[in-house]
Amino acid sequence: MRRHILIGAIAACLAVPFQAHAMSPAAPVLQSSAVVWDKCEAALDSPHESHTNPDVINVHADLKGCKQKMPEYSISVTLYKEGTQVAHDSGSGKNKFKARVVANWPPPKGECHSYSAKATFTIKAEGKTHTATLENQSQGKICIKK
């Protein structure tokens, strides 16, 4: 009984939307897909104010949790400002346990916008191509202060 109450309380806390502000950037909310290949998980966080450069909006696309090296992989991630593409990046490689691609964009200061992102993850292994596509959005409008 206690476990069900605790799980319900945690789920309720996670369901409350969090508004991003320039003075205190929101922690990115992670969205993950099912396993792409052999326990490798594709993940796309929500677009957010960068923690290393506060003048930039970015989004991380990750392949992680792999139990063996990915023979060949590629990641493509696109960042959108209110439906318009503002940034894109991609990367690929071989024989890695994990990989990350980041799309970032320095918006005009003093403006507030909603952002979204889309990423495609591909792993080629054992003669097959395994693909997942994820989408995520910012938690409210993000404002870059002047």
C-alpha atoms as a PDB file:
ATOM      1  CA  MET A   1       0.000   0.000   0.000  1.00  0.00           C
ATOM      2  CA  ARG A   2       2.775   2.457   0.919  1.00  0.00           C
ATOM      3  CA  ARG A   3       4.570   1.697  -2.334  1.00  0.00           C
ATOM      4  CA  HIS A   4       1.448   2.576  -4.364  1.00  0.00           C
ATOM      5  CA  ILE A   5       1.020   5.846  -2.476  1.00  0.00           C
ATOM      6  CA  LEU A   6       4.692   6.751  -2.953  1.00  0.00           C
ATOM      7  CA  ILE A   7       4.594   5.921  -6.665  1.00  0.00           C
ATOM      8  CA  GLY A   8       1.406   8.008  -7.044  1.00  0.00           C
ATOM      9  CA  ALA A   9       3.015  10.946  -5.221  1.00  0.00           C
ATOM     10  CA  ILE A  10       6.124  10.786  -7.397  1.00  0.00           C
ATOM     11  CA  ALA A  11       4.005  10.590 -10.566  1.00  0.00           C
ATOM     12  CA  ALA A  12       1.952  13.602  -9.426  1.00  0.00           C
ATOM     13  CA  CYS A  13       5.114  15.626  -8.790  1.00  0.00           C
ATOM     14  CA  LEU A  14       6.480  14.755 -12.218  1.00  0.00           C
ATOM     15  CA  ALA A  15       3.221  15.788 -13.897  1.00  0.00           C
ATOM     16  CA  VAL A  16       3.385  19.395 -12.612  1.00  0.00           C
ATOM     17  CA  PRO A  17       4.686  21.673 -15.394  1.00  0.00           C
ATOM     18  CA  PHE A  18       7.807  23.698 -14.643  1.00  0.00           C
ATOM     19  CA  GLN A  19       8.119  27.213 -16.123  1.00  0.00           C
ATOM     20  CA  ALA A  20      11.614  28.184 -17.321  1.00  0.00           C
ATOM     21  CA  HIS A  21      12.917  31.651 -16.439  1.00  0.00           C
ATOM     22  CA  ALA A  22      16.123  33.443 -17.407  1.00  0.00           C
ATOM     23  CA  MET A  23      17.081  33.963 -13.774  1.00  0.00           C
ATOM     24  CA  SER A  24      16.753  30.287 -12.910  1.00  0.00           C
ATOM     25  CA  PRO A  25      16.935  27.985 -15.952  1.00  0.00           C
ATOM     26  CA  ALA A  26      14.794  24.885 -15.898  1.00  0.00           C
ATOM     27  CA  ALA A  27      16.429  21.545 -15.569  1.00  0.00           C
ATOM     28  CA  PRO A  28      15.942  19.730 -18.869  1.00  0.00           C
ATOM     29  CA  VAL A  29      13.239  17.099 -18.844  1.00  0.00           C
ATOM     30  CA  LEU A  30      14.438  13.834 -20.312  1.00  0.00           C
ATOM     31  CA  GLN A  31      12.433  11.895 -22.856  1.00  0.00           C
ATOM     32  CA  SER A  32      13.656   8.403 -23.695  1.00  0.00           C
ATOM     33  CA  SER A  33      12.655   5.864 -26.290  1.00  0.00           C
ATOM     34  CA  ALA A  34      12.620   2.153 -26.031  1.00  0.00           C
ATOM     35  CA  VAL A  35      15.864   0.336 -26.525  1.00  0.00           C
ATOM     36  CA  VAL A  36      17.240   0.967 -30.019  1.00  0.00           C
ATOM     37  CA  TRP A  37      19.632  -1.984 -30.088  1.00  0.00           C
ATOM     38  CA  ASP A  38      20.981  -4.382 -27.448  1.00  0.00           C
ATOM     39  CA  LYS A  39      20.072  -2.189 -24.446  1.00  0.00           C
ATOM     40  CA  CYS A  40      21.279   1.045 -26.102  1.00  0.00           C
ATOM     41  CA  GLU A  41      18.759   3.717 -25.190  1.00  0.00           C
ATOM     42  CA  ALA A  42      18.032   6.822 -27.259  1.00  0.00           C
ATOM     43  CA  ALA A  43      17.296   9.942 -25.187  1.00  0.00           C
ATOM     44  CA  LEU A  44      16.398  13.535 -26.054  1.00  0.00           C
ATOM     45  CA  ASP A  45      16.153  16.155 -23.330  1.00  0.00           C
ATOM     46  CA  SER A  46      13.943  19.206 -23.556  1.00  0.00           C
ATOM     47  CA  PRO A  47      15.403  22.360 -25.134  1.00  0.00           C
ATOM     48  CA  HIS A  48      16.819  24.494 -22.329  1.00  0.00           C
ATOM     49  CA  GLU A  49      19.136  27.367 -21.474  1.00  0.00           C
ATOM     50  CA  SER A  50      22.689  26.039 -21.580  1.00  0.00           C
ATOM     51  CA  HIS A  51      24.320  25.453 -18.210  1.00  0.00           C
ATOM     52  CA  THR A  52      27.767  26.306 -19.611  1.00  0.00           C
ATOM     53  CA  ASN A  53      26.791  29.283 -21.791  1.00  0.00           C
ATOM     54  CA  PRO A  54      23.694  31.133 -20.527  1.00  0.00           C
ATOM     55  CA  ASP A  55      23.292  32.983 -23.860  1.00  0.00           C
ATOM     56  CA  VAL A  56      22.523  29.763 -25.739  1.00  0.00           C
ATOM     57  CA  ILE A  57      19.530  27.422 -26.026  1.00  0.00           C
ATOM     58  CA  ASN A  58      20.527  23.806 -26.522  1.00  0.00           C
ATOM     59  CA  VAL A  59      19.267  20.254 -26.623  1.00  0.00           C
ATOM     60  CA  HIS A  60      21.164  16.973 -26.102  1.00  0.00           C
ATOM     61  CA  ALA A  61      20.552  13.781 -28.070  1.00  0.00           C
ATOM     62  CA  ASP A  62      22.167  10.747 -26.443  1.00  0.00           C
ATOM     63  CA  LEU A  63      22.728   7.072 -27.072  1.00  0.00           C
ATOM     64  CA  LYS A  64      23.593   5.509 -23.718  1.00  0.00           C
ATOM     65  CA  GLY A  65      23.359   2.445 -21.533  1.00  0.00           C
ATOM     66  CA  CYS A  66      24.881   0.180 -24.173  1.00  0.00           C
ATOM     67  CA  LYS A  67      26.132  -3.145 -22.804  1.00  0.00           C
ATOM     68  CA  GLN A  68      28.427  -3.605 -25.795  1.00  0.00           C
ATOM     69  CA  LYS A  69      29.981  -1.190 -28.266  1.00  0.00           C
ATOM     70  CA  MET A  70      27.736   0.029 -31.069  1.00  0.00           C
ATOM     71  CA  PRO A  71      29.309  -1.240 -34.318  1.00  0.00           C
ATOM     72  CA  GLU A  72      28.132   1.875 -36.201  1.00  0.00           C
ATOM     73  CA  TYR A  73      25.828   4.716 -35.119  1.00  0.00           C
ATOM     74  CA  SER A  74      24.539   8.107 -36.201  1.00  0.00           C
ATOM     75  CA  ILE A  75      22.548  10.832 -34.447  1.00  0.00           C
ATOM     76  CA  SER A  76      20.830  13.806 -36.057  1.00  0.00           C
ATOM     77  CA  VAL A  77      19.183  16.505 -33.892  1.00  0.00           C
ATOM     78  CA  THR A  78      17.257  19.644 -34.889  1.00  0.00           C
ATOM     79  CA  LEU A  79      16.201  22.553 -32.668  1.00  0.00           C
ATOM     80  CA  TYR A  80      13.096  24.600 -33.524  1.00  0.00           C
ATOM     81  CA  LYS A  81      11.949  28.006 -32.243  1.00  0.00           C
ATOM     82  CA  GLU A  82       8.147  28.067 -32.382  1.00  0.00           C
ATOM     83  CA  GLY A  83       8.140  25.678 -35.346  1.00  0.00           C
ATOM     84  CA  THR A  84      11.007  27.237 -37.310  1.00  0.00           C
ATOM     85  CA  GLN A  85      14.328  25.386 -37.515  1.00  0.00           C
ATOM     86  CA  VAL A  86      17.129  27.386 -35.850  1.00  0.00           C
ATOM     87  CA  ALA A  87      19.857  24.758 -35.368  1.00  0.00           C
ATOM     88  CA  HIS A  88      20.859  21.299 -36.554  1.00  0.00           C
ATOM     89  CA  ASP A  89      23.784  19.023 -35.830  1.00  0.00           C
ATOM     90  CA  SER A  90      24.668  15.405 -36.470  1.00  0.00           C
ATOM     91  CA  GLY A  91      27.376  12.948 -35.620  1.00  0.00           C
ATOM     92  CA  SER A  92      28.363   9.376 -36.269  1.00  0.00           C
ATOM     93  CA  GLY A  93      30.983   6.887 -35.275  1.00  0.00           C
ATOM     94  CA  LYS A  94      31.932   3.301 -34.624  1.00  0.00           C
ATOM     95  CA  ASN A  95      32.700   1.067 -31.662  1.00  0.00           C
ATOM     96  CA  LYS A  96      31.429   3.323 -28.848  1.00  0.00           C
ATOM     97  CA  PHE A  97      29.415   2.556 -25.712  1.00  0.00           C
ATOM     98  CA  LYS A  98      27.742   5.972 -25.756  1.00  0.00           C
ATOM     99  CA  ALA A  99      27.399   9.041 -27.961  1.00  0.00           C
ATOM    100  CA  ARG A 100      26.017  12.591 -27.758  1.00  0.00           C
ATOM    101  CA  VAL A 101      25.131  15.286 -30.274  1.00  0.00           C
ATOM    102  CA  VAL A 102      24.130  18.793 -29.170  1.00  0.00           C
ATOM    103  CA  ALA A 103      22.222  21.351 -31.230  1.00  0.00           C
ATOM    104  CA  ASN A 104      22.473  24.899 -29.906  1.00  0.00           C
ATOM    105  CA  TRP A 105      21.435  28.387 -30.916  1.00  0.00           C
ATOM    106  CA  PRO A 106      22.102  31.879 -29.505  1.00  0.00           C
ATOM    107  CA  PRO A 107      18.721  33.661 -29.669  1.00  0.00           C
ATOM    108  CA  PRO A 108      18.357  37.439 -29.572  1.00  0.00           C
ATOM    109  CA  LYS A 109      18.643  38.621 -25.966  1.00  0.00           C
ATOM    110  CA  GLY A 110      15.518  39.811 -24.226  1.00  0.00           C
ATOM    111  CA  GLU A 111      13.155  37.581 -26.227  1.00  0.00           C
ATOM    112  CA  CYS A 112      11.095  34.705 -24.852  1.00  0.00           C
ATOM    113  CA  HIS A 113      10.170  31.712 -27.012  1.00  0.00           C
ATOM    114  CA  SER A 114       8.973  28.126 -26.879  1.00  0.00           C
ATOM    115  CA  TYR A 115      11.336  25.556 -28.377  1.00  0.00           C
ATOM    116  CA  SER A 116      11.046  21.996 -29.600  1.00  0.00           C
ATOM    117  CA  ALA A 117      13.501  19.389 -30.812  1.00  0.00           C
ATOM    118  CA  LYS A 118      13.538  16.258 -32.926  1.00  0.00           C
ATOM    119  CA  ALA A 119      16.283  13.635 -33.087  1.00  0.00           C
ATOM    120  CA  THR A 120      16.840  10.508 -35.157  1.00  0.00           C
ATOM    121  CA  PHE A 121      19.081   7.746 -33.837  1.00  0.00           C
ATOM    122  CA  THR A 122      20.421   4.931 -36.009  1.00  0.00           C
ATOM    123  CA  ILE A 123      22.521   1.929 -35.061  1.00  0.00           C
ATOM    124  CA  LYS A 124      23.747  -0.507 -37.702  1.00  0.00           C
ATOM    125  CA  ALA A 125      24.604  -3.907 -36.276  1.00  0.00           C
ATOM    126  CA  GLU A 126      24.504  -7.518 -37.326  1.00  0.00           C
ATOM    127  CA  GLY A 127      23.425  -6.609 -40.867  1.00  0.00           C
ATOM    128  CA  LYS A 128      20.357  -4.647 -39.693  1.00  0.00           C
ATOM    129  CA  THR A 129      19.551  -0.959 -39.227  1.00  0.00           C
ATOM    130  CA  HIS A 130      17.818  -0.011 -35.964  1.00  0.00           C
ATOM    131  CA  THR A 131      16.228   3.469 -35.848  1.00  0.00           C
ATOM    132  CA  ALA A 132      14.324   5.588 -33.330  1.00  0.00           C
ATOM    133  CA  THR A 133      12.985   9.140 -33.626  1.00  0.00           C
ATOM    134  CA  LEU A 134      12.197  11.288 -30.589  1.00  0.00           C
ATOM    135  CA  GLU A 135      10.610  14.693 -30.124  1.00  0.00           C
ATOM    136  CA  ASN A 136      10.553  16.939 -27.058  1.00  0.00           C
ATOM    137  CA  GLN A 137       9.674  20.535 -26.193  1.00  0.00           C
ATOM    138  CA  SER A 138      10.745  23.210 -23.753  1.00  0.00           C
ATOM    139  CA  GLN A 139       8.909  23.456 -20.481  1.00  0.00           C
ATOM    140  CA  GLY A 140       7.253  26.804 -21.190  1.00  0.00           C
ATOM    141  CA  LYS A 141       8.916  29.815 -22.761  1.00  0.00           C
ATOM    142  CA  ILE A 142      12.645  30.352 -22.309  1.00  0.00           C
ATOM    143  CA  CYS A 143      13.875  33.929 -21.911  1.00  0.00           C
ATOM    144  CA  ILE A 144      17.489  34.967 -22.479  1.00  0.00           C
ATOM    145  CA  LYS A 145      18.106  38.074 -20.418  1.00  0.00           C
ATOM    146  CA  LYS A 146      19.734  41.152 -21.897  1.00  0.00           C
END
